[in-house]
Structures are given as structure tokens and as C-alpha cells.
Amino acid sequence: MVLDQDKIRVLRTRTIHGKERKRGTPSNLPLNKGRVTGDQVAAALLEAKGMITQAGRILGVAPQTVRQYIKRYTIAAEALKEAREYQGDLCEMQIFAAIDRGESWAIRLYATTQLRERGYGEKAVETPAQSAAKAGQPKSLSIDYDAYNRSYREALDVLKRGNASGDGGSADPA
């Protein structure tokens, strides 16, 4: 169901203008003490782009009242769905425009959400401990740091001896 802007304006005018305000209500938000109809809620939802609280302000009713009408009246539920779909379409159009401009954030967003079957989805990087756990190996790899340090010091000693002998760094291990 699509309501044109004129119908929204007429429904809104009939609903909120000329009503008395409740104490504590902002002066620009009239309180609607009368009942609203499903058509009026639908029109307000379309005008508010699917935002329930804003639709309640337009109508001068509480957001909970709008939610109850959405549950009770098909026309209000359809208007909410249509308004949110339309906003989603506008959002996607902006993303496509950013892609056309070559903006990397938009390209990455689209690729990771819409091109998963092509391998562009976010993938978790597996740590060595996770790989080992999957393979049935111990969860942590132990490194003998003492042996590593000994071999590192031996290699440095060999290099120092080679440089000290003046033969260009070629040390004879024997």
C-alpha cells in the first residue's frame, strides 16, 4: 500500500491540529486525546520513515500506542515495513554511489557482506595453538630458549672471530 504525500498531509492535519497540549509536552508536539485510526498511524509511519517514536510525536501519542496499532492493524504494519524497506533502499543506493566513486570502505563493506560465496567474507585468522588443537597436537608449542640462545651466541662468536682475523668474515669452523 502506497500513500501519497497529500493523503499523509490530510491525515496528519485531521489528527493533530487544534488539540490541547498535555503539561510537559513540548509546545510543538500537540497531544492527541482522541483515538487515532490505523490509516493515521500508517500515514505517520510513512512520514516518519519508519521511526516509531517520531510517528508517535507526529500523532501526539506515545510510541507504545503506535506499536499497539502496528500489531492490531495490517495497514500500519505494512506501512512500517514499506517505510523501512524504502530507507534500506536509499541506504544501499548511497553505498553503490560510494562504490562508483571508488571509496574503499564501501567496496569492502559490499564485498564482505554480499560476495561471501566468492570468498570475500571476513575470515578468522587461526593461531598456531588453534591449528595444533585441531590436529590433535599439544595446544602450545614449547621452544627451548636456552638452546636457541646458545646457538645464537655461538654464531656471533664465529662471526667475531672471522672479522678479527681479517679474512673478510670467512671463519674456518675447524
Protein backbone atom coordinates (compact mmCIF):
# COMPACT_ATOMS: atom_id res chain seq x y z
CA MET A 1 0.00 0.00 0.00
CA VAL A 2 1.41 3.35 -1.01
CA LEU A 3 0.07 6.61 0.44
CA ASP A 4 0.89 9.78 -1.45
CA GLN A 5 2.16 12.91 0.30
CA ASP A 6 -1.22 14.71 0.00
CA LYS A 7 -3.02 11.91 1.83
CA ILE A 8 -0.35 11.89 4.55
CA ARG A 9 -0.74 15.67 4.97
CA VAL A 10 -4.55 15.43 5.16
CA LEU A 11 -4.47 12.56 7.66
CA ARG A 12 -1.88 14.35 9.78
CA THR A 13 -3.84 17.60 9.74
CA ARG A 14 -7.05 15.87 10.82
CA THR A 15 -5.19 14.04 13.57
CA ILE A 16 -3.15 16.63 15.43
CA HIS A 17 -4.14 20.21 14.72
CA GLY A 18 -6.33 22.05 17.20
CA LYS A 19 -5.82 19.59 20.09
CA GLU A 20 -4.95 20.75 23.60
CA ARG A 21 -1.44 20.10 24.92
CA LYS A 22 -0.65 17.99 27.96
CA ARG A 23 1.56 19.52 30.66
CA GLY A 24 5.21 18.63 29.99
CA THR A 25 4.64 18.01 26.29
CA PRO A 26 6.88 20.16 24.09
CA SER A 27 4.91 23.05 22.64
CA ASN A 28 5.46 21.92 19.05
CA LEU A 29 4.02 18.45 19.77
CA PRO A 30 0.27 18.57 20.23
CA LEU A 31 -1.31 15.86 22.34
CA ASN A 32 -3.96 13.77 20.65
CA LYS A 33 -6.55 12.92 23.27
CA GLY A 34 -8.88 11.39 20.69
CA ARG A 35 -8.38 8.00 19.16
CA VAL A 36 -6.27 7.67 16.06
CA THR A 37 -7.09 5.33 13.22
CA GLY A 38 -4.97 2.67 11.59
CA ASP A 39 -4.78 4.87 8.47
CA GLN A 40 -3.48 7.78 10.50
CA VAL A 41 -0.81 5.61 12.13
CA ALA A 42 0.17 4.28 8.70
CA ALA A 43 0.48 7.80 7.31
CA ALA A 44 2.55 8.92 10.30
CA LEU A 45 4.87 5.92 9.96
CA LEU A 46 5.46 6.70 6.30
CA GLU A 47 6.10 10.36 7.07
CA ALA A 48 8.47 9.40 9.91
CA LYS A 49 10.34 6.97 7.63
CA GLY A 50 9.50 4.02 9.85
CA MET A 51 10.65 5.56 13.13
CA ILE A 52 8.02 4.62 15.69
CA THR A 53 8.84 7.32 18.26
CA GLN A 54 8.74 10.02 15.59
CA ALA A 55 5.40 8.70 14.31
CA GLY A 56 4.06 8.94 17.85
CA ARG A 57 5.20 12.56 18.05
CA ILE A 58 3.52 13.34 14.74
CA LEU A 59 0.27 11.83 16.03
CA GLY A 60 0.61 13.19 19.55
CA VAL A 61 0.54 9.71 21.12
CA ALA A 62 3.05 7.57 22.97
CA PRO A 63 5.35 5.27 20.97
CA GLN A 64 3.75 2.29 22.74
CA THR A 65 0.40 3.29 21.23
CA VAL A 66 1.95 3.25 17.77
CA ARG A 67 3.40 -0.23 18.47
CA GLN A 68 -0.04 -1.48 19.55
CA TYR A 69 -1.60 -0.15 16.34
CA ILE A 70 1.12 -1.85 14.30
CA LYS A 71 0.22 -5.16 15.95
CA ARG A 72 -3.51 -4.60 15.60
CA TYR A 73 -3.83 -3.05 12.11
CA THR A 74 -2.40 -4.62 8.97
CA ILE A 75 -2.26 -1.25 7.21
CA ALA A 76 0.01 0.14 9.94
CA ALA A 77 2.27 -2.94 9.88
CA GLU A 78 2.53 -2.72 6.08
CA ALA A 79 3.34 0.99 6.26
CA LEU A 80 6.14 0.30 8.76
CA LYS A 81 7.55 -2.44 6.54
CA GLU A 82 7.32 -0.25 3.43
CA ALA A 83 8.96 2.74 5.13
CA ARG A 84 11.85 0.66 6.42
CA GLU A 85 12.30 -1.07 3.06
CA TYR A 86 12.42 2.29 1.34
CA GLN A 87 15.03 3.59 3.81
CA GLY A 88 17.06 0.42 3.26
CA ASP A 89 16.93 1.00 -0.50
CA LEU A 90 18.12 4.59 -0.05
CA CYS A 91 20.97 3.35 2.12
CA GLU A 92 22.03 0.78 -0.48
CA MET A 93 21.88 3.42 -3.21
CA GLN A 94 24.31 5.58 -1.21
CA ILE A 95 26.66 2.61 -0.79
CA PHE A 96 26.53 1.91 -4.54
CA ALA A 97 27.29 5.58 -5.24
CA ALA A 98 30.30 5.36 -2.91
CA ILE A 99 31.45 2.20 -4.72
CA ASP A 100 31.17 4.05 -8.05
CA ARG A 101 33.35 6.81 -6.59
CA GLY A 102 35.93 4.17 -5.65
CA GLU A 103 35.62 4.59 -1.89
CA SER A 104 37.39 1.64 -0.30
CA TRP A 105 35.14 1.40 2.79
CA ALA A 106 32.09 0.90 0.57
CA ILE A 107 33.83 -1.65 -1.62
CA ARG A 108 34.97 -3.64 1.40
CA LEU A 109 31.54 -3.44 3.05
CA TYR A 110 29.80 -4.70 -0.07
CA ALA A 111 32.37 -7.42 -0.75
CA THR A 112 32.35 -8.80 2.80
CA THR A 113 28.57 -8.82 3.09
CA GLN A 114 27.33 -9.59 -0.42
CA LEU A 115 30.18 -11.52 -2.07
CA ARG A 116 30.84 -14.20 0.54
CA GLU A 117 30.28 -17.01 -1.95
CA ARG A 118 33.20 -15.62 -3.94
CA GLY A 119 35.49 -15.77 -0.91
CA TYR A 120 35.33 -12.15 0.19
CA GLY A 121 33.82 -12.80 3.62
CA GLU A 122 35.63 -11.96 6.82
CA LYS A 123 37.72 -14.94 7.86
CA ALA A 124 39.05 -15.57 11.33
CA VAL A 125 42.80 -16.00 11.42
CA GLU A 126 43.73 -19.24 13.11
CA THR A 127 46.51 -19.15 15.67
CA PRO A 128 49.14 -21.93 15.81
CA ALA A 129 47.61 -23.14 19.08
CA GLN A 130 44.19 -23.45 17.39
CA SER A 131 45.72 -25.30 14.44
CA ALA A 132 47.54 -27.68 16.79
CA ALA A 133 44.36 -28.33 18.76
CA LYS A 134 42.52 -29.24 15.56
CA ALA A 135 45.30 -31.61 14.55
CA GLY A 136 45.32 -33.30 17.95
CA GLN A 137 48.72 -31.92 18.89
CA PRO A 138 49.53 -30.18 22.16
CA LYS A 139 47.90 -26.77 22.43
CA SER A 140 51.14 -24.89 22.97
CA LEU A 141 54.44 -25.31 21.24
CA SER A 142 57.42 -25.35 23.57
CA ILE A 143 60.56 -23.61 22.47
CA ASP A 144 63.87 -24.34 24.13
CA TYR A 145 65.04 -20.76 24.53
CA ASP A 146 68.29 -21.82 26.22
CA ALA A 147 69.32 -23.91 23.20
CA TYR A 148 68.30 -21.06 20.88
CA ASN A 149 70.39 -18.55 22.86
CA ARG A 150 73.41 -20.90 22.91
CA SER A 151 73.36 -21.37 19.15
CA TYR A 152 72.86 -17.62 18.63
CA ARG A 153 75.89 -16.83 20.84
CA GLU A 154 77.99 -19.45 19.04
CA ALA A 155 77.10 -17.91 15.67
CA LEU A 156 78.07 -14.45 16.95
CA ASP A 157 81.39 -15.80 18.27
CA VAL A 158 82.17 -17.34 14.90
CA LEU A 159 81.42 -14.05 13.15
CA LYS A 160 83.56 -12.07 15.62
CA ARG A 161 86.49 -14.43 15.20
CA GLY A 162 86.21 -14.20 11.44
CA ASN A 163 86.19 -10.39 11.48
CA ALA A 164 89.08 -10.26 13.95
CA SER A 165 91.26 -12.48 11.76
CA GLY A 166 90.82 -10.03 8.86
CA ASP A 167 89.88 -12.68 6.31
CA GLY A 168 86.63 -10.95 5.30
CA GLY A 169 84.40 -12.87 7.63
CA SER A 170 85.06 -16.39 6.39
CA ALA A 171 85.80 -18.28 9.55
CA ASP A 172 87.05 -21.85 9.44
CA PRO A 173 84.99 -23.91 11.90
CA ALA A 174 87.85 -26.38 12.39
